[in-house]
């Protein structure tokens, strides 16, 4: 047995997520989905910006790039609002009570 190995294992196991209930598991999955959706929306903003820069003044390409950026920003706002509403509802239905923030 290596000296101190049990202390390292105990300290690292405290950081691992514990899904003791279905609500904990769903909360983790929902967080991953929100992070992925925010990443995709941010990627579309970057894609639209690159298309806008590379449009070289062509009105049709500029309009497509501008529309892509606009819809990506709207999608990002929707994702953030859904995340806030989900956290608010989860806080309201939390067993300990109190404000969700």
PDB file of N, CA and C in Angstrom:
ATOM      1  N   UNK A   1       0.839  -1.175   0.000  1.00  0.00           N
ATOM      2  CA  UNK A   1       0.000   0.000   0.000  1.00  0.00           C
ATOM      3  C   UNK A   1       0.886   1.240   0.000  1.00  0.00           C
ATOM      4  N   UNK A   2       0.570   2.170  -0.837  1.00  0.00           N
ATOM      5  CA  UNK A   2       1.338   3.409  -0.929  1.00  0.00           C
ATOM      6  C   UNK A   2       0.843   4.360   0.153  1.00  0.00           C
ATOM      7  N   UNK A   3       1.771   4.939   0.927  1.00  0.00           N
ATOM      8  CA  UNK A   3       1.344   5.872   1.979  1.00  0.00           C
ATOM      9  C   UNK A   3       0.642   7.089   1.387  1.00  0.00           C
ATOM     10  N   UNK A   4      -0.478   7.444   1.955  1.00  0.00           N
ATOM     11  CA  UNK A   4      -1.216   8.626   1.528  1.00  0.00           C
ATOM     12  C   UNK A   4      -2.156   8.401   0.357  1.00  0.00           C
ATOM     13  N   UNK A   5      -2.175   7.185  -0.198  1.00  0.00           N
ATOM     14  CA  UNK A   5      -3.032   6.924  -1.357  1.00  0.00           C
ATOM     15  C   UNK A   5      -4.508   7.052  -0.992  1.00  0.00           C
ATOM     16  N   UNK A   6      -4.873   6.610   0.173  1.00  0.00           N
ATOM     17  CA  UNK A   6      -6.272   6.697   0.582  1.00  0.00           C
ATOM     18  C   UNK A   6      -6.710   8.153   0.718  1.00  0.00           C
ATOM     19  N   UNK A   7      -5.815   9.038   1.176  1.00  0.00           N
ATOM     20  CA  UNK A   7      -6.163  10.455   1.286  1.00  0.00           C
ATOM     21  C   UNK A   7      -6.397  11.069  -0.093  1.00  0.00           C
ATOM     22  N   UNK A   8      -5.588  10.698  -1.065  1.00  0.00           N
ATOM     23  CA  UNK A   8      -5.764  11.215  -2.422  1.00  0.00           C
ATOM     24  C   UNK A   8      -7.078  10.724  -2.993  1.00  0.00           C
ATOM     25  N   UNK A   9      -7.405   9.463  -2.804  1.00  0.00           N
ATOM     26  CA  UNK A   9      -8.650   8.911  -3.324  1.00  0.00           C
ATOM     27  C   UNK A   9      -9.842   9.591  -2.680  1.00  0.00           C
ATOM     28  N   UNK A  10      -9.805   9.798  -1.374  1.00  0.00           N
ATOM     29  CA  UNK A  10     -10.925  10.429  -0.680  1.00  0.00           C
ATOM     30  C   UNK A  10     -11.111  11.871  -1.130  1.00  0.00           C
ATOM     31  N   UNK A  11     -10.021  12.607  -1.365  1.00  0.00           N
ATOM     32  CA  UNK A  11     -10.146  13.995  -1.795  1.00  0.00           C
ATOM     33  C   UNK A  11     -10.695  14.087  -3.208  1.00  0.00           C
ATOM     34  N   UNK A  12     -10.287  13.200  -4.100  1.00  0.00           N
ATOM     35  CA  UNK A  12     -10.765  13.236  -5.479  1.00  0.00           C
ATOM     36  C   UNK A  12     -12.206  12.755  -5.601  1.00  0.00           C
ATOM     37  N   UNK A  13     -12.613  11.824  -4.783  1.00  0.00           N
ATOM     38  CA  UNK A  13     -13.976  11.308  -4.882  1.00  0.00           C
ATOM     39  C   UNK A  13     -14.994  12.337  -4.419  1.00  0.00           C
ATOM     40  N   UNK A  14     -14.580  13.329  -3.643  1.00  0.00           N
ATOM     41  CA  UNK A  14     -15.505  14.365  -3.203  1.00  0.00           C
ATOM     42  C   UNK A  14     -15.887  15.277  -4.366  1.00  0.00           C
ATOM     43  N   UNK A  15     -15.055  15.352  -5.406  1.00  0.00           N
ATOM     44  CA  UNK A  15     -15.339  16.220  -6.541  1.00  0.00           C
ATOM     45  C   UNK A  15     -16.170  15.536  -7.614  1.00  0.00           C
ATOM     46  N   UNK A  16     -16.360  14.252  -7.540  1.00  0.00           N
ATOM     47  CA  UNK A  16     -17.149  13.545  -8.541  1.00  0.00           C
ATOM     48  C   UNK A  16     -18.628  13.827  -8.327  1.00  0.00           C
ATOM     49  N   UNK A  17     -19.400  13.981  -9.422  1.00  0.00           N
ATOM     50  CA  UNK A  17     -20.828  14.232  -9.254  1.00  0.00           C
ATOM     51  C   UNK A  17     -21.534  13.006  -8.687  1.00  0.00           C
ATOM     52  N   UNK A  18     -22.492  13.267  -7.837  1.00  0.00           N
ATOM     53  CA  UNK A  18     -23.267  12.182  -7.230  1.00  0.00           C
ATOM     54  C   UNK A  18     -24.715  12.334  -7.686  1.00  0.00           C
ATOM     55  N   UNK A  19     -25.166  11.384  -8.496  1.00  0.00           N
ATOM     56  CA  UNK A  19     -26.532  11.393  -8.988  1.00  0.00           C
ATOM     57  C   UNK A  19     -27.349  10.433  -8.149  1.00  0.00           C
ATOM     58  N   UNK A  20     -27.793  10.903  -7.007  1.00  0.00           N
ATOM     59  CA  UNK A  20     -28.542  10.039  -6.109  1.00  0.00           C
ATOM     60  C   UNK A  20     -30.021   9.997  -6.463  1.00  0.00           C
ATOM     61  N   UNK A  21     -30.509  11.005  -7.176  1.00  0.00           N
ATOM     62  CA  UNK A  21     -31.918  11.027  -7.551  1.00  0.00           C
ATOM     63  C   UNK A  21     -32.039  11.278  -9.053  1.00  0.00           C
ATOM     64  N   UNK A  22     -33.220  11.048  -9.565  1.00  0.00           N
ATOM     65  CA  UNK A  22     -33.495  11.305 -10.971  1.00  0.00           C
ATOM     66  C   UNK A  22     -33.378  12.790 -11.276  1.00  0.00           C
ATOM     67  N   UNK A  23     -33.766  13.635 -10.334  1.00  0.00           N
ATOM     68  CA  UNK A  23     -33.659  15.078 -10.521  1.00  0.00           C
ATOM     69  C   UNK A  23     -32.217  15.536 -10.672  1.00  0.00           C
ATOM     70  N   UNK A  24     -31.313  14.937  -9.902  1.00  0.00           N
ATOM     71  CA  UNK A  24     -29.895  15.279 -10.022  1.00  0.00           C
ATOM     72  C   UNK A  24     -29.356  14.878 -11.393  1.00  0.00           C
ATOM     73  N   UNK A  25     -29.753  13.712 -11.859  1.00  0.00           N
ATOM     74  CA  UNK A  25     -29.310  13.244 -13.163  1.00  0.00           C
ATOM     75  C   UNK A  25     -29.854  14.138 -14.274  1.00  0.00           C
ATOM     76  N   UNK A  26     -31.141  14.467 -14.219  1.00  0.00           N
ATOM     77  CA  UNK A  26     -31.743  15.335 -15.235  1.00  0.00           C
ATOM     78  C   UNK A  26     -31.110  16.729 -15.208  1.00  0.00           C
ATOM     79  N   UNK A  27     -30.800  17.210 -14.035  1.00  0.00           N
ATOM     80  CA  UNK A  27     -30.154  18.520 -13.924  1.00  0.00           C
ATOM     81  C   UNK A  27     -28.796  18.516 -14.623  1.00  0.00           C
ATOM     82  N   UNK A  28     -28.032  17.463 -14.446  1.00  0.00           N
ATOM     83  CA  UNK A  28     -26.742  17.355 -15.120  1.00  0.00           C
ATOM     84  C   UNK A  28     -26.884  17.269 -16.619  1.00  0.00           C
ATOM     85  N   UNK A  29     -27.853  16.497 -17.091  1.00  0.00           N
ATOM     86  CA  UNK A  29     -28.077  16.344 -18.528  1.00  0.00           C
ATOM     87  C   UNK A  29     -28.548  17.665 -19.138  1.00  0.00           C
ATOM     88  N   UNK A  30     -29.446  18.357 -18.450  1.00  0.00           N
ATOM     89  CA  UNK A  30     -29.949  19.640 -18.945  1.00  0.00           C
ATOM     90  C   UNK A  30     -28.828  20.664 -19.011  1.00  0.00           C
ATOM     91  N   UNK A  31     -27.942  20.674 -18.036  1.00  0.00           N
ATOM     92  CA  UNK A  31     -26.804  21.599 -18.076  1.00  0.00           C
ATOM     93  C   UNK A  31     -25.926  21.322 -19.297  1.00  0.00           C
ATOM     94  N   UNK A  32     -25.678  20.051 -19.579  1.00  0.00           N
ATOM     95  CA  UNK A  32     -24.865  19.709 -20.749  1.00  0.00           C
ATOM     96  C   UNK A  32     -25.559  20.161 -22.032  1.00  0.00           C
ATOM     97  N   UNK A  33     -26.872  19.975 -22.122  1.00  0.00           N
ATOM     98  CA  UNK A  33     -27.617  20.386 -23.308  1.00  0.00           C
ATOM     99  C   UNK A  33     -27.553  21.902 -23.483  1.00  0.00           C
ATOM    100  N   UNK A  34     -27.707  22.652 -22.388  1.00  0.00           N
ATOM    101  CA  UNK A  34     -27.648  24.108 -22.488  1.00  0.00           C
ATOM    102  C   UNK A  34     -26.260  24.585 -22.909  1.00  0.00           C
ATOM    103  N   UNK A  35     -25.223  23.978 -22.364  1.00  0.00           N
ATOM    104  CA  UNK A  35     -23.870  24.363 -22.751  1.00  0.00           C
ATOM    105  C   UNK A  35     -23.614  24.059 -24.223  1.00  0.00           C
ATOM    106  N   UNK A  36     -24.090  22.918 -24.692  1.00  0.00           N
ATOM    107  CA  UNK A  36     -23.915  22.560 -26.102  1.00  0.00           C
ATOM    108  C   UNK A  36     -24.690  23.523 -27.003  1.00  0.00           C
ATOM    109  N   UNK A  37     -25.900  23.883 -26.618  1.00  0.00           N
ATOM    110  CA  UNK A  37     -26.697  24.814 -27.419  1.00  0.00           C
ATOM    111  C   UNK A  37     -26.048  26.191 -27.457  1.00  0.00           C
ATOM    112  N   UNK A  38     -25.502  26.636 -26.340  1.00  0.00           N
ATOM    113  CA  UNK A  38     -24.818  27.932 -26.316  1.00  0.00           C
ATOM    114  C   UNK A  38     -23.567  27.888 -27.192  1.00  0.00           C
ATOM    115  N   UNK A  39     -22.850  26.786 -27.179  1.00  0.00           N
ATOM    116  CA  UNK A  39     -21.670  26.647 -28.027  1.00  0.00           C
ATOM    117  C   UNK A  39     -22.056  26.689 -29.496  1.00  0.00           C
ATOM    118  N   UNK A  40     -23.115  25.992 -29.877  1.00  0.00           N
ATOM    119  CA  UNK A  40     -23.553  25.977 -31.271  1.00  0.00           C
ATOM    120  C   UNK A  40     -23.984  27.379 -31.711  1.00  0.00           C
ATOM    121  N   UNK A  41     -24.719  28.091 -30.861  1.00  0.00           N
ATOM    122  CA  UNK A  41     -25.143  29.447 -31.208  1.00  0.00           C
ATOM    123  C   UNK A  41     -23.935  30.367 -31.364  1.00  0.00           C
ATOM    124  N   UNK A  42     -22.967  30.243 -30.478  1.00  0.00           N
ATOM    125  CA  UNK A  42     -21.757  31.055 -30.583  1.00  0.00           C
ATOM    126  C   UNK A  42     -20.980  30.708 -31.853  1.00  0.00           C
ATOM    127  N   UNK A  43     -20.945  29.424 -32.210  1.00  0.00           N
ATOM    128  CA  UNK A  43     -20.289  28.994 -33.440  1.00  0.00           C
ATOM    129  C   UNK A  43     -20.972  29.621 -34.661  1.00  0.00           C
ATOM    130  N   UNK A  44     -22.305  29.681 -34.647  1.00  0.00           N
ATOM    131  CA  UNK A  44     -23.023  30.293 -35.761  1.00  0.00           C
ATOM    132  C   UNK A  44     -22.738  31.794 -35.846  1.00  0.00           C
ATOM    133  N   UNK A  45     -22.559  32.443 -34.721  1.00  0.00           N
ATOM    134  CA  UNK A  45     -22.184  33.860 -34.744  1.00  0.00           C
ATOM    135  C   UNK A  45     -20.822  34.023 -35.413  1.00  0.00           C
ATOM    136  N   UNK A  46     -19.871  33.186 -35.042  1.00  0.00           N
ATOM    137  CA  UNK A  46     -18.549  33.260 -35.655  1.00  0.00           C
ATOM    138  C   UNK A  46     -18.607  32.936 -37.148  1.00  0.00           C
ATOM    139  N   UNK A  47     -19.407  31.944 -37.512  1.00  0.00           N
ATOM    140  CA  UNK A  47     -19.557  31.568 -38.909  1.00  0.00           C
ATOM    141  C   UNK A  47     -20.159  32.721 -39.713  1.00  0.00           C
ATOM    142  N   UNK A  48     -21.184  33.360 -39.133  1.00  0.00           N
ATOM    143  CA  UNK A  48     -21.797  34.508 -39.798  1.00  0.00           C
ATOM    144  C   UNK A  48     -20.835  35.677 -39.925  1.00  0.00           C
ATOM    145  N   UNK A  49     -20.023  35.902 -38.911  1.00  0.00           N
ATOM    146  CA  UNK A  49     -19.039  36.983 -38.973  1.00  0.00           C
ATOM    147  C   UNK A  49     -18.005  36.700 -40.054  1.00  0.00           C
ATOM    148  N   UNK A  50     -17.554  35.467 -40.144  1.00  0.00           N
ATOM    149  CA  UNK A  50     -16.595  35.107 -41.192  1.00  0.00           C
ATOM    150  C   UNK A  50     -17.224  35.262 -42.571  1.00  0.00           C
ATOM    151  N   UNK A  51     -18.471  34.852 -42.716  1.00  0.00           N
ATOM    152  CA  UNK A  51     -19.160  34.998 -44.006  1.00  0.00           C
ATOM    153  C   UNK A  51     -19.365  36.471 -44.340  1.00  0.00           C
ATOM    154  N   UNK A  52     -19.625  37.287 -43.343  1.00  0.00           N
ATOM    155  CA  UNK A  52     -19.811  38.723 -43.554  1.00  0.00           C
ATOM    156  C   UNK A  52     -18.515  39.369 -44.034  1.00  0.00           C
ATOM    157  N   UNK A  53     -17.409  38.969 -43.424  1.00  0.00           N
ATOM    158  CA  UNK A  53     -16.112  39.526 -43.815  1.00  0.00           C
ATOM    159  C   UNK A  53     -15.728  39.067 -45.218  1.00  0.00           C
ATOM    160  N   UNK A  54     -15.998  37.811 -45.515  1.00  0.00           N
ATOM    161  CA  UNK A  54     -15.589  37.268 -46.814  1.00  0.00           C
ATOM    162  C   UNK A  54     -16.609  37.524 -47.927  1.00  0.00           C
ATOM    163  N   UNK A  55     -17.682  38.263 -47.653  1.00  0.00           N
ATOM    164  CA  UNK A  55     -18.691  38.537 -48.679  1.00  0.00           C
ATOM    165  C   UNK A  55     -18.186  39.499 -49.741  1.00  0.00           C
ATOM    166  N   UNK A  56     -17.199  40.272 -49.451  1.00  0.00           N
ATOM    167  CA  UNK A  56     -16.564  41.202 -50.398  1.00  0.00           C
ATOM    168  C   UNK A  56     -17.554  42.177 -51.014  1.00  0.00           C
ATOM    169  N   UNK A  57     -18.496  42.630 -50.217  1.00  0.00           N
ATOM    170  CA  UNK A  57     -19.419  43.660 -50.675  1.00  0.00           C
ATOM    171  C   UNK A  57     -20.585  43.170 -51.497  1.00  0.00           C
ATOM    172  N   UNK A  58     -20.721  41.889 -51.732  1.00  0.00           N
ATOM    173  CA  UNK A  58     -21.863  41.360 -52.488  1.00  0.00           C
ATOM    174  C   UNK A  58     -23.098  41.424 -51.600  1.00  0.00           C
ATOM    175  N   UNK A  59     -24.113  42.127 -52.079  1.00  0.00           N
ATOM    176  CA  UNK A  59     -25.290  42.380 -51.242  1.00  0.00           C
ATOM    177  C   UNK A  59     -26.006  41.098 -50.830  1.00  0.00           C
ATOM    178  N   UNK A  60     -26.067  40.157 -51.741  1.00  0.00           N
ATOM    179  CA  UNK A  60     -26.761  38.902 -51.434  1.00  0.00           C
ATOM    180  C   UNK A  60     -26.033  38.126 -50.331  1.00  0.00           C
ATOM    181  N   UNK A  61     -24.733  38.036 -50.426  1.00  0.00           N
ATOM    182  CA  UNK A  61     -23.945  37.324 -49.410  1.00  0.00           C
ATOM    183  C   UNK A  61     -23.944  38.074 -48.075  1.00  0.00           C
ATOM    184  N   UNK A  62     -23.911  39.409 -48.147  1.00  0.00           N
ATOM    185  CA  UNK A  62     -23.978  40.202 -46.916  1.00  0.00           C
ATOM    186  C   UNK A  62     -25.309  39.985 -46.197  1.00  0.00           C
ATOM    187  N   UNK A  63     -26.389  39.915 -46.955  1.00  0.00           N
ATOM    188  CA  UNK A  63     -27.709  39.703 -46.349  1.00  0.00           C
ATOM    189  C   UNK A  63     -27.796  38.321 -45.698  1.00  0.00           C
ATOM    190  N   UNK A  64     -27.233  37.303 -46.358  1.00  0.00           N
ATOM    191  CA  UNK A  64     -27.244  35.958 -45.767  1.00  0.00           C
ATOM    192  C   UNK A  64     -26.422  35.915 -44.480  1.00  0.00           C
ATOM    193  N   UNK A  65     -25.259  36.546 -44.507  1.00  0.00           N
ATOM    194  CA  UNK A  65     -24.404  36.548 -43.312  1.00  0.00           C
ATOM    195  C   UNK A  65     -25.059  37.328 -42.182  1.00  0.00           C
ATOM    196  N   UNK A  66     -25.674  38.458 -42.505  1.00  0.00           N
ATOM    197  CA  UNK A  66     -26.353  39.262 -41.488  1.00  0.00           C
ATOM    198  C   UNK A  66     -27.523  38.489 -40.881  1.00  0.00           C
ATOM    199  N   UNK A  67     -28.259  37.758 -41.713  1.00  0.00           N
ATOM    200  CA  UNK A  67     -29.378  36.947 -41.214  1.00  0.00           C
ATOM    201  C   UNK A  67     -28.862  35.823 -40.314  1.00  0.00           C
ATOM    202  N   UNK A  68     -27.747  35.206 -40.696  1.00  0.00           N
ATOM    203  CA  UNK A  68     -27.170  34.138 -39.873  1.00  0.00           C
ATOM    204  C   UNK A  68     -26.759  34.682 -38.499  1.00  0.00           C
ATOM    205  N   UNK A  69     -26.133  35.842 -38.482  1.00  0.00           N
ATOM    206  CA  UNK A  69     -25.716  36.440 -37.201  1.00  0.00           C
ATOM    207  C   UNK A  69     -26.938  36.802 -36.366  1.00  0.00           C
ATOM    208  N   UNK A  70     -27.948  37.382 -37.001  1.00  0.00           N
ATOM    209  CA  UNK A  70     -29.167  37.773 -36.273  1.00  0.00           C
ATOM    210  C   UNK A  70     -29.846  36.565 -35.647  1.00  0.00           C
ATOM    211  N   UNK A  71     -30.017  35.499 -36.406  1.00  0.00           N
ATOM    212  CA  UNK A  71     -30.682  34.308 -35.873  1.00  0.00           C
ATOM    213  C   UNK A  71     -29.835  33.605 -34.810  1.00  0.00           C
ATOM    214  N   UNK A  72     -28.528  33.674 -34.950  1.00  0.00           N
ATOM    215  CA  UNK A  72     -27.664  33.082 -33.922  1.00  0.00           C
ATOM    216  C   UNK A  72     -27.776  33.850 -32.613  1.00  0.00           C
ATOM    217  N   UNK A  73     -27.851  35.171 -32.689  1.00  0.00           N
ATOM    218  CA  UNK A  73     -28.012  35.978 -31.468  1.00  0.00           C
ATOM    219  C   UNK A  73     -29.372  35.706 -30.839  1.00  0.00           C
ATOM    220  N   UNK A  74     -30.399  35.605 -31.663  1.00  0.00           N
ATOM    221  CA  UNK A  74     -31.729  35.276 -31.130  1.00  0.00           C
ATOM    222  C   UNK A  74     -31.706  33.898 -30.477  1.00  0.00           C
ATOM    223  N   UNK A  75     -31.045  32.929 -31.104  1.00  0.00           N
ATOM    224  CA  UNK A  75     -30.926  31.592 -30.516  1.00  0.00           C
ATOM    225  C   UNK A  75     -30.175  31.610 -29.202  1.00  0.00           C
ATOM    226  N   UNK A  76     -29.119  32.412 -29.119  1.00  0.00           N
ATOM    227  CA  UNK A  76     -28.352  32.523 -27.884  1.00  0.00           C
ATOM    228  C   UNK A  76     -29.196  33.132 -26.772  1.00  0.00           C
ATOM    229  N   UNK A  77     -29.993  34.132 -27.102  1.00  0.00           N
ATOM    230  CA  UNK A  77     -30.887  34.736 -26.116  1.00  0.00           C
ATOM    231  C   UNK A  77     -31.922  33.722 -25.639  1.00  0.00           C
ATOM    232  N   UNK A  78     -32.479  32.950 -26.567  1.00  0.00           N
ATOM    233  CA  UNK A  78     -33.468  31.926 -26.200  1.00  0.00           C
ATOM    234  C   UNK A  78     -32.843  30.871 -25.285  1.00  0.00           C
ATOM    235  N   UNK A  79     -31.614  30.464 -25.587  1.00  0.00           N
ATOM    236  CA  UNK A  79     -30.937  29.467 -24.757  1.00  0.00           C
ATOM    237  C   UNK A  79     -30.719  30.015 -23.348  1.00  0.00           C
ATOM    238  N   UNK A  80     -30.244  31.246 -23.243  1.00  0.00           N
ATOM    239  CA  UNK A  80     -30.010  31.829 -21.920  1.00  0.00           C
ATOM    240  C   UNK A  80     -31.307  32.018 -21.147  1.00  0.00           C
ATOM    241  N   UNK A  81     -32.367  32.455 -21.816  1.00  0.00           N
ATOM    242  CA  UNK A  81     -33.657  32.597 -21.138  1.00  0.00           C
ATOM    243  C   UNK A  81     -34.201  31.244 -20.677  1.00  0.00           C
ATOM    244  N   UNK A  82     -34.060  30.219 -21.514  1.00  0.00           N
ATOM    245  CA  UNK A  82     -34.507  28.882 -21.122  1.00  0.00           C
ATOM    246  C   UNK A  82     -33.708  28.369 -19.930  1.00  0.00           C
ATOM    247  N   UNK A  83     -32.404  28.654 -19.923  1.00  0.00           N
ATOM    248  CA  UNK A  83     -31.558  28.233 -18.798  1.00  0.00           C
ATOM    249  C   UNK A  83     -31.988  28.931 -17.507  1.00  0.00           C
ATOM    250  N   UNK A  84     -32.232  30.239 -17.593  1.00  0.00           N
ATOM    251  CA  UNK A  84     -32.648  30.990 -16.409  1.00  0.00           C
ATOM    252  C   UNK A  84     -34.004  30.505 -15.914  1.00  0.00           C
ATOM    253  N   UNK A  85     -34.943  30.289 -16.826  1.00  0.00           N
ATOM    254  CA  UNK A  85     -36.270  29.812 -16.424  1.00  0.00           C
ATOM    255  C   UNK A  85     -36.177  28.422 -15.802  1.00  0.00           C
ATOM    256  N   UNK A  86     -35.361  27.560 -16.375  1.00  0.00           N
ATOM    257  CA  UNK A  86     -35.197  26.211 -15.826  1.00  0.00           C
ATOM    258  C   UNK A  86     -34.616  26.262 -14.423  1.00  0.00           C
ATOM    259  N   UNK A  87     -33.604  27.093 -14.208  1.00  0.00           N
ATOM    260  CA  UNK A  87     -33.013  27.220 -12.876  1.00  0.00           C
ATOM    261  C   UNK A  87     -34.011  27.821 -11.890  1.00  0.00           C
ATOM    262  N   UNK A  88     -34.808  28.766 -12.341  1.00  0.00           N
ATOM    263  CA  UNK A  88     -35.815  29.372 -11.474  1.00  0.00           C
ATOM    264  C   UNK A  88     -36.863  28.345 -11.063  1.00  0.00           C
ATOM    265  N   UNK A  89     -37.353  27.571 -12.031  1.00  0.00           N
ATOM    266  CA  UNK A  89     -38.357  26.549 -11.723  1.00  0.00           C
ATOM    267  C   UNK A  89     -37.759  25.477 -10.817  1.00  0.00           C
ATOM    268  N   UNK A  90     -36.525  25.080 -11.084  1.00  0.00           N
ATOM    269  CA  UNK A  90     -35.884  24.078 -10.226  1.00  0.00           C
ATOM    270  C   UNK A  90     -35.706  24.608  -8.808  1.00  0.00           C
ATOM    271  N   UNK A  91     -35.413  25.884  -8.678  1.00  0.00           N
ATOM    272  CA  UNK A  91     -35.263  26.473  -7.354  1.00  0.00           C
ATOM    273  C   UNK A  91     -36.582  26.573  -6.610  1.00  0.00           C
ATOM    274  N   UNK A  92     -37.660  26.825  -7.347  1.00  0.00           N
ATOM    275  CA  UNK A  92     -38.975  26.912  -6.711  1.00  0.00           C
ATOM    276  C   UNK A  92     -39.408  25.557  -6.187  1.00  0.00           C
ATOM    277  N   UNK A  93     -39.120  24.497  -6.947  1.00  0.00           N
ATOM    278  CA  UNK A  93     -39.528  23.171  -6.540  1.00  0.00           C
ATOM    279  C   UNK A  93     -38.482  22.435  -5.711  1.00  0.00           C
ATOM    280  N   UNK A  94     -37.426  23.119  -5.330  1.00  0.00           N
ATOM    281  CA  UNK A  94     -36.386  22.498  -4.492  1.00  0.00           C
ATOM    282  C   UNK A  94     -36.959  22.210  -3.105  1.00  0.00           C
ATOM    283  N   UNK A  95     -36.602  21.093  -2.504  1.00  0.00           N
ATOM    284  CA  UNK A  95     -37.182  20.729  -1.210  1.00  0.00           C
ATOM    285  C   UNK A  95     -36.750  21.644  -0.061  1.00  0.00           C
ATOM    286  N   UNK A  96     -35.588  22.305  -0.157  1.00  0.00           N
ATOM    287  CA  UNK A  96     -35.143  23.141   0.944  1.00  0.00           C
ATOM    288  C   UNK A  96     -35.833  24.499   0.960  1.00  0.00           C
ATOM    289  N   UNK A  97     -36.483  24.900  -0.129  1.00  0.00           N
ATOM    290  CA  UNK A  97     -37.190  26.166  -0.162  1.00  0.00           C
ATOM    291  C   UNK A  97     -36.251  27.344  -0.316  1.00  0.00           C
ATOM    292  N   UNK A  98     -36.793  28.530  -0.243  1.00  0.00           N
ATOM    293  CA  UNK A  98     -35.967  29.734  -0.375  1.00  0.00           C
ATOM    294  C   UNK A  98     -35.875  30.192  -1.812  1.00  0.00           C
ATOM    295  N   UNK A  99     -35.114  31.262  -2.009  1.00  0.00           N
ATOM    296  CA  UNK A  99     -34.928  31.806  -3.340  1.00  0.00           C
ATOM    297  C   UNK A  99     -33.979  30.919  -4.149  1.00  0.00           C
ATOM    298  N   UNK A 100     -34.177  30.811  -5.447  1.00  0.00           N
ATOM    299  CA  UNK A 100     -33.341  29.929  -6.258  1.00  0.00           C
ATOM    300  C   UNK A 100     -31.974  30.503  -6.599  1.00  0.00           C
ATOM    301  N   UNK A 101     -31.683  31.716  -6.235  1.00  0.00           N
ATOM    302  CA  UNK A 101     -30.417  32.338  -6.624  1.00  0.00           C
ATOM    303  C   UNK A 101     -29.379  32.173  -5.555  1.00  0.00           C
TER     304      UNK A 101
END
